[in-house]
Structures are given as C-alpha cells and as structure tokens.
C-alpha cells in the first residue's frame, strides 16, 4: 500500500480520501446517529454507493479539499475533514470535520486535525480567512476551534434543527493575522 502523509502532524496525518476508504467502518460512521448528530447527512440513510459517489465527486476538487484523518502510528483512518467551499476571489473557506472512530473522541485528535487543516489553508493555499459553524450544544467542536485560535464572531438564531428543536449556530472565524499572532503566543507558551 502506498503511504502518503500529505499533511503531517504530531499524532495525525491528512491524506486524500480514497475509494478504498469506503468500507464497512465508513458506512457505519455515516449511519451512526451519535457520530452524525451534527451532520446534514443525519436525515438520510447512506449507502456505500452514495458514500463512494461523494468521495468520487470530491476527489481532486480544488474548491473543496477533502482529507482522510489518519493516525501516524498505525495508519488507521479515524475520520475526515474538508476545507471548502473555497472562495478564491476573497481567499476564504469553511472547515468541517468529524471523527468516526468513537474510541478516539475527547483525546485531542480533533484539535490536532483542525490545526493541520488551518495550517494548510493559510500556509499552503494562502487563504486569508477560515470559518466554521458550530451548533450551540456542540461543546467539543467549540473547544476545538477555540484551541486553535478561532473566536466566536456571531450567532445565527434558530439556524439549525437538531434533537427535535431549533438551535443557534455560532460562527467561529480566524484571519491569517490572527493565526500568526496565535502561533507566536503558542511559541511563547511552549518555551
């Protein structure tokens, strides 16, 4: 098997999502109510065919970069992340991610994944602004973004329907200058 660490972190690496990733695990992730509780796909059952079509549609798409999140120590594919849609004129993009392997929840991997995709967006693609929407009850996602220097910029009232009720959605954002200041602060803290 070809090993490619497109973006390498401390414990995680990001690589392209492959057709071979569409296996029983991936199928289970996309149909597990707990994993998908904050994803739009939660309302529709997913088949391996529909998942494969999604992967194929995003392969090589320069407007939505789609990555598999894998463990460095054993190459286990634990989830996915996406940067996009990318607005190349205004150099901004949205970030989304999920960890499908529940045994890796609440262990800092999500924070690392967000950090890797942020670094890629700013340092490789030259973007100026990154954002993500976080449902008000999703404390884990809120912490992951805050731990990567994002700030809460606004609230969309009654924006999402989750758990049989309407919820607010927080807009988290970071600009390249904010990212650079965040990196400087982390360097000082780690010295």
C-alpha atoms as a PDB file:
ATOM      1  CA  UNK A   1       0.000   0.000   0.000  1.00  0.00           C
ATOM      2  CA  UNK A   2       1.238   3.469  -0.877  1.00  0.00           C
ATOM      3  CA  UNK A   3       1.790   5.619   2.186  1.00  0.00           C
ATOM      4  CA  UNK A   4       1.303   9.333   1.710  1.00  0.00           C
ATOM      5  CA  UNK A   5       1.316  11.837   4.530  1.00  0.00           C
ATOM      6  CA  UNK A   6       0.108  14.864   2.646  1.00  0.00           C
ATOM      7  CA  UNK A   7      -0.031  16.942   5.824  1.00  0.00           C
ATOM      8  CA  UNK A   8       1.762  15.541   8.848  1.00  0.00           C
ATOM      9  CA  UNK A   9       1.179  16.456  12.483  1.00  0.00           C
ATOM     10  CA  UNK A  10       2.307  15.056  15.820  1.00  0.00           C
ATOM     11  CA  UNK A  11      -0.188  12.167  16.011  1.00  0.00           C
ATOM     12  CA  UNK A  12      -2.285  12.617  12.857  1.00  0.00           C
ATOM     13  CA  UNK A  13      -1.686  12.929   9.166  1.00  0.00           C
ATOM     14  CA  UNK A  14      -4.091  14.042   6.476  1.00  0.00           C
ATOM     15  CA  UNK A  15      -4.223  12.433   3.048  1.00  0.00           C
ATOM     16  CA  UNK A  16      -6.693  12.211   0.187  1.00  0.00           C
ATOM     17  CA  UNK A  17      -9.843  10.207   0.819  1.00  0.00           C
ATOM     18  CA  UNK A  18      -9.575   7.075  -1.315  1.00  0.00           C
ATOM     19  CA  UNK A  19     -12.262   4.924  -2.845  1.00  0.00           C
ATOM     20  CA  UNK A  20     -10.814   2.054  -0.783  1.00  0.00           C
ATOM     21  CA  UNK A  21     -11.705   4.036   2.376  1.00  0.00           C
ATOM     22  CA  UNK A  22     -15.381   3.427   1.614  1.00  0.00           C
ATOM     23  CA  UNK A  23     -15.598   0.251   3.652  1.00  0.00           C
ATOM     24  CA  UNK A  24     -17.817  -1.167   6.396  1.00  0.00           C
ATOM     25  CA  UNK A  25     -16.362   1.231   9.008  1.00  0.00           C
ATOM     26  CA  UNK A  26     -17.022   4.313   6.895  1.00  0.00           C
ATOM     27  CA  UNK A  27     -20.533   3.036   6.123  1.00  0.00           C
ATOM     28  CA  UNK A  28     -21.207   2.582   9.856  1.00  0.00           C
ATOM     29  CA  UNK A  29     -19.874   6.068  10.664  1.00  0.00           C
ATOM     30  CA  UNK A  30     -22.233   7.690   8.186  1.00  0.00           C
ATOM     31  CA  UNK A  31     -25.258   5.853   9.561  1.00  0.00           C
ATOM     32  CA  UNK A  32     -24.478   6.113  13.282  1.00  0.00           C
ATOM     33  CA  UNK A  33     -26.857   8.673  14.885  1.00  0.00           C
ATOM     34  CA  UNK A  34     -24.301   9.684  17.531  1.00  0.00           C
ATOM     35  CA  UNK A  35     -21.494  10.286  15.030  1.00  0.00           C
ATOM     36  CA  UNK A  36     -23.779  12.097  12.604  1.00  0.00           C
ATOM     37  CA  UNK A  37     -25.762  14.090  15.156  1.00  0.00           C
ATOM     38  CA  UNK A  38     -24.363  17.416  13.886  1.00  0.00           C
ATOM     39  CA  UNK A  39     -24.017  16.488  10.207  1.00  0.00           C
ATOM     40  CA  UNK A  40     -26.544  17.275   7.499  1.00  0.00           C
ATOM     41  CA  UNK A  41     -26.379  13.651   6.329  1.00  0.00           C
ATOM     42  CA  UNK A  42     -28.088  12.502   9.531  1.00  0.00           C
ATOM     43  CA  UNK A  43     -31.528  12.836   7.960  1.00  0.00           C
ATOM     44  CA  UNK A  44     -30.834  10.439   5.106  1.00  0.00           C
ATOM     45  CA  UNK A  45     -29.602   6.837   5.243  1.00  0.00           C
ATOM     46  CA  UNK A  46     -26.270   6.478   3.481  1.00  0.00           C
ATOM     47  CA  UNK A  47     -25.327   3.525   1.296  1.00  0.00           C
ATOM     48  CA  UNK A  48     -21.814   2.538   0.314  1.00  0.00           C
ATOM     49  CA  UNK A  49     -22.729   3.632  -3.207  1.00  0.00           C
ATOM     50  CA  UNK A  50     -23.812   7.124  -2.093  1.00  0.00           C
ATOM     51  CA  UNK A  51     -20.673   7.479   0.059  1.00  0.00           C
ATOM     52  CA  UNK A  52     -18.479   6.354  -2.844  1.00  0.00           C
ATOM     53  CA  UNK A  53     -20.183   8.865  -5.152  1.00  0.00           C
ATOM     54  CA  UNK A  54     -19.484  11.637  -2.635  1.00  0.00           C
ATOM     55  CA  UNK A  55     -15.819  10.635  -2.407  1.00  0.00           C
ATOM     56  CA  UNK A  56     -15.510  10.482  -6.199  1.00  0.00           C
ATOM     57  CA  UNK A  57     -17.163  13.899  -6.589  1.00  0.00           C
ATOM     58  CA  UNK A  58     -14.666  15.468  -4.184  1.00  0.00           C
ATOM     59  CA  UNK A  59     -11.521  13.787  -5.481  1.00  0.00           C
ATOM     60  CA  UNK A  60      -9.252  16.413  -6.980  1.00  0.00           C
ATOM     61  CA  UNK A  61     -11.786  19.215  -6.393  1.00  0.00           C
ATOM     62  CA  UNK A  62      -9.772  22.404  -5.924  1.00  0.00           C
ATOM     63  CA  UNK A  63     -12.772  24.209  -4.446  1.00  0.00           C
ATOM     64  CA  UNK A  64     -13.388  21.666  -1.675  1.00  0.00           C
ATOM     65  CA  UNK A  65     -10.301  19.882  -0.401  1.00  0.00           C
ATOM     66  CA  UNK A  66     -11.352  16.595   1.221  1.00  0.00           C
ATOM     67  CA  UNK A  67      -8.964  14.760   3.558  1.00  0.00           C
ATOM     68  CA  UNK A  68      -8.900  11.486   5.456  1.00  0.00           C
ATOM     69  CA  UNK A  69      -7.630  11.908   9.029  1.00  0.00           C
ATOM     70  CA  UNK A  70      -5.304   9.024   9.926  1.00  0.00           C
ATOM     71  CA  UNK A  71      -3.181   8.046  12.923  1.00  0.00           C
ATOM     72  CA  UNK A  72       0.551   8.274  12.341  1.00  0.00           C
ATOM     73  CA  UNK A  73       1.414   5.238  14.462  1.00  0.00           C
ATOM     74  CA  UNK A  74      -0.830   2.694  12.696  1.00  0.00           C
ATOM     75  CA  UNK A  75      -2.374   4.444   9.623  1.00  0.00           C
ATOM     76  CA  UNK A  76      -5.893   3.946  10.991  1.00  0.00           C
ATOM     77  CA  UNK A  77      -8.411   6.148   9.160  1.00  0.00           C
ATOM     78  CA  UNK A  78     -10.414   7.712  12.023  1.00  0.00           C
ATOM     79  CA  UNK A  79     -12.424  10.404  10.244  1.00  0.00           C
ATOM     80  CA  UNK A  80     -12.497  13.103   7.587  1.00  0.00           C
ATOM     81  CA  UNK A  81     -12.133  16.848   7.269  1.00  0.00           C
ATOM     82  CA  UNK A  82     -12.903  19.278   4.499  1.00  0.00           C
ATOM     83  CA  UNK A  83     -11.758  22.750   3.592  1.00  0.00           C
ATOM     84  CA  UNK A  84     -14.410  24.309   1.423  1.00  0.00           C
ATOM     85  CA  UNK A  85     -16.149  25.617  -0.337  1.00  0.00           C
ATOM     86  CA  UNK A  86     -13.166  27.854  -1.062  1.00  0.00           C
ATOM     87  CA  UNK A  87     -13.840  31.365  -2.325  1.00  0.00           C
ATOM     88  CA  UNK A  88     -10.629  32.043  -4.271  1.00  0.00           C
ATOM     89  CA  UNK A  89     -11.501  35.678  -5.020  1.00  0.00           C
ATOM     90  CA  UNK A  90     -11.885  36.609  -1.346  1.00  0.00           C
ATOM     91  CA  UNK A  91      -9.457  33.889  -0.180  1.00  0.00           C
ATOM     92  CA  UNK A  92     -11.753  32.376   2.426  1.00  0.00           C
ATOM     93  CA  UNK A  93     -13.078  28.906   3.192  1.00  0.00           C
ATOM     94  CA  UNK A  94     -15.125  26.902   5.652  1.00  0.00           C
ATOM     95  CA  UNK A  95     -13.847  23.981   7.722  1.00  0.00           C
ATOM     96  CA  UNK A  96     -15.783  20.870   8.650  1.00  0.00           C
ATOM     97  CA  UNK A  97     -14.643  17.622  10.206  1.00  0.00           C
ATOM     98  CA  UNK A  98     -15.737  14.537  12.077  1.00  0.00           C
ATOM     99  CA  UNK A  99     -14.103  11.647  13.872  1.00  0.00           C
ATOM    100  CA  UNK A 100     -15.904   8.413  13.087  1.00  0.00           C
ATOM    101  CA  UNK A 101     -13.921   6.149  15.410  1.00  0.00           C
ATOM    102  CA  UNK A 102     -15.562   6.893  18.764  1.00  0.00           C
ATOM    103  CA  UNK A 103     -12.672   5.432  20.772  1.00  0.00           C
ATOM    104  CA  UNK A 104     -10.654   8.468  19.594  1.00  0.00           C
ATOM    105  CA  UNK A 105     -13.158  11.073  20.796  1.00  0.00           C
ATOM    106  CA  UNK A 106     -12.131  13.502  23.562  1.00  0.00           C
ATOM    107  CA  UNK A 107      -8.416  12.718  23.218  1.00  0.00           C
ATOM    108  CA  UNK A 108      -7.242  15.864  21.426  1.00  0.00           C
ATOM    109  CA  UNK A 109      -7.233  14.416  17.908  1.00  0.00           C
ATOM    110  CA  UNK A 110      -9.968  16.774  16.708  1.00  0.00           C
ATOM    111  CA  UNK A 111      -7.979  19.788  17.885  1.00  0.00           C
ATOM    112  CA  UNK A 112      -4.923  18.490  16.036  1.00  0.00           C
ATOM    113  CA  UNK A 113      -6.935  17.846  12.854  1.00  0.00           C
ATOM    114  CA  UNK A 114      -8.344  21.392  12.915  1.00  0.00           C
ATOM    115  CA  UNK A 115      -4.830  22.752  13.473  1.00  0.00           C
ATOM    116  CA  UNK A 116      -3.498  20.839  10.469  1.00  0.00           C
ATOM    117  CA  UNK A 117      -6.257  21.996   8.129  1.00  0.00           C
ATOM    118  CA  UNK A 118      -5.863  25.601   9.354  1.00  0.00           C
ATOM    119  CA  UNK A 119      -2.109  25.472   8.695  1.00  0.00           C
ATOM    120  CA  UNK A 120      -2.774  24.061   5.219  1.00  0.00           C
ATOM    121  CA  UNK A 121      -5.363  26.736   4.450  1.00  0.00           C
ATOM    122  CA  UNK A 122      -3.160  29.643   5.483  1.00  0.00           C
ATOM    123  CA  UNK A 123       0.356  28.441   4.732  1.00  0.00           C
ATOM    124  CA  UNK A 124      -0.156  26.277   1.641  1.00  0.00           C
ATOM    125  CA  UNK A 125      -3.205  27.763  -0.066  1.00  0.00           C
ATOM    126  CA  UNK A 126      -2.579  31.359   1.006  1.00  0.00           C
ATOM    127  CA  UNK A 127      -6.115  31.897   2.273  1.00  0.00           C
ATOM    128  CA  UNK A 128      -6.915  34.942   4.382  1.00  0.00           C
ATOM    129  CA  UNK A 129      -9.924  33.786   6.427  1.00  0.00           C
ATOM    130  CA  UNK A 130     -11.319  30.492   7.721  1.00  0.00           C
ATOM    131  CA  UNK A 131     -14.694  29.915   9.357  1.00  0.00           C
ATOM    132  CA  UNK A 132     -16.861  27.171  10.752  1.00  0.00           C
ATOM    133  CA  UNK A 133     -20.396  26.953  12.078  1.00  0.00           C
ATOM    134  CA  UNK A 134     -20.897  25.216  15.424  1.00  0.00           C
ATOM    135  CA  UNK A 135     -24.298  24.290  16.850  1.00  0.00           C
ATOM    136  CA  UNK A 136     -24.754  25.736  20.355  1.00  0.00           C
ATOM    137  CA  UNK A 137     -24.890  22.298  22.021  1.00  0.00           C
ATOM    138  CA  UNK A 138     -21.674  21.050  20.372  1.00  0.00           C
ATOM    139  CA  UNK A 139     -19.199  21.924  23.128  1.00  0.00           C
ATOM    140  CA  UNK A 140     -16.480  19.648  21.724  1.00  0.00           C
ATOM    141  CA  UNK A 141     -16.351  21.484  18.396  1.00  0.00           C
ATOM    142  CA  UNK A 142     -16.437  24.857  20.111  1.00  0.00           C
ATOM    143  CA  UNK A 143     -13.369  23.905  22.193  1.00  0.00           C
ATOM    144  CA  UNK A 144     -11.500  22.501  19.167  1.00  0.00           C
ATOM    145  CA  UNK A 145     -11.840  25.785  17.308  1.00  0.00           C
ATOM    146  CA  UNK A 146     -11.046  27.953  20.335  1.00  0.00           C
ATOM    147  CA  UNK A 147      -7.978  25.796  20.993  1.00  0.00           C
ATOM    148  CA  UNK A 148      -6.781  26.725  17.502  1.00  0.00           C
ATOM    149  CA  UNK A 149      -7.167  30.480  17.922  1.00  0.00           C
ATOM    150  CA  UNK A 150     -10.665  30.909  16.485  1.00  0.00           C
ATOM    151  CA  UNK A 151     -13.054  33.392  18.064  1.00  0.00           C
ATOM    152  CA  UNK A 152     -16.821  33.390  18.168  1.00  0.00           C
ATOM    153  CA  UNK A 153     -17.813  36.104  15.704  1.00  0.00           C
ATOM    154  CA  UNK A 154     -21.557  35.821  15.644  1.00  0.00           C
ATOM    155  CA  UNK A 155     -24.707  33.878  16.329  1.00  0.00           C
ATOM    156  CA  UNK A 156     -27.295  32.711  13.817  1.00  0.00           C
ATOM    157  CA  UNK A 157     -30.527  32.412  15.805  1.00  0.00           C
ATOM    158  CA  UNK A 158     -32.638  29.257  15.347  1.00  0.00           C
ATOM    159  CA  UNK A 159     -30.374  28.304  12.455  1.00  0.00           C
ATOM    160  CA  UNK A 160     -30.300  24.517  12.774  1.00  0.00           C
ATOM    161  CA  UNK A 161     -32.797  21.827  13.654  1.00  0.00           C
ATOM    162  CA  UNK A 162     -31.233  19.245  15.984  1.00  0.00           C
ATOM    163  CA  UNK A 163     -32.715  16.926  18.593  1.00  0.00           C
ATOM    164  CA  UNK A 164     -36.279  17.919  17.646  1.00  0.00           C
ATOM    165  CA  UNK A 165     -35.773  21.600  18.387  1.00  0.00           C
ATOM    166  CA  UNK A 166     -34.235  24.725  16.897  1.00  0.00           C
ATOM    167  CA  UNK A 167     -30.713  25.712  17.898  1.00  0.00           C
ATOM    168  CA  UNK A 168     -28.471  28.695  17.457  1.00  0.00           C
ATOM    169  CA  UNK A 169     -25.333  28.301  15.386  1.00  0.00           C
ATOM    170  CA  UNK A 170     -22.127  30.066  16.419  1.00  0.00           C
ATOM    171  CA  UNK A 171     -19.869  31.332  13.674  1.00  0.00           C
ATOM    172  CA  UNK A 172     -16.216  30.838  14.561  1.00  0.00           C
ATOM    173  CA  UNK A 173     -13.550  32.530  12.486  1.00  0.00           C
ATOM    174  CA  UNK A 174      -9.872  33.309  12.213  1.00  0.00           C
ATOM    175  CA  UNK A 175      -7.924  35.510   9.805  1.00  0.00           C
ATOM    176  CA  UNK A 176      -4.337  34.984   8.763  1.00  0.00           C
ATOM    177  CA  UNK A 177      -3.046  37.835  11.021  1.00  0.00           C
ATOM    178  CA  UNK A 178      -4.956  36.319  13.968  1.00  0.00           C
ATOM    179  CA  UNK A 179      -3.445  32.919  13.126  1.00  0.00           C
ATOM    180  CA  UNK A 180       0.065  34.373  13.064  1.00  0.00           C
ATOM    181  CA  UNK A 181      -0.480  36.028  16.475  1.00  0.00           C
ATOM    182  CA  UNK A 182      -1.877  32.741  17.797  1.00  0.00           C
ATOM    183  CA  UNK A 183       1.266  30.894  16.607  1.00  0.00           C
ATOM    184  CA  UNK A 184       3.503  33.485  18.303  1.00  0.00           C
ATOM    185  CA  UNK A 185       1.590  33.079  21.579  1.00  0.00           C
ATOM    186  CA  UNK A 186       1.901  29.284  21.373  1.00  0.00           C
ATOM    187  CA  UNK A 187       5.665  29.583  20.794  1.00  0.00           C
ATOM    188  CA  UNK A 188       5.986  31.758  23.897  1.00  0.00           C
ATOM    189  CA  UNK A 189       3.858  29.395  25.992  1.00  0.00           C
ATOM    190  CA  UNK A 190       5.856  26.342  24.862  1.00  0.00           C
ATOM    191  CA  UNK A 191       9.278  27.874  25.640  1.00  0.00           C
END
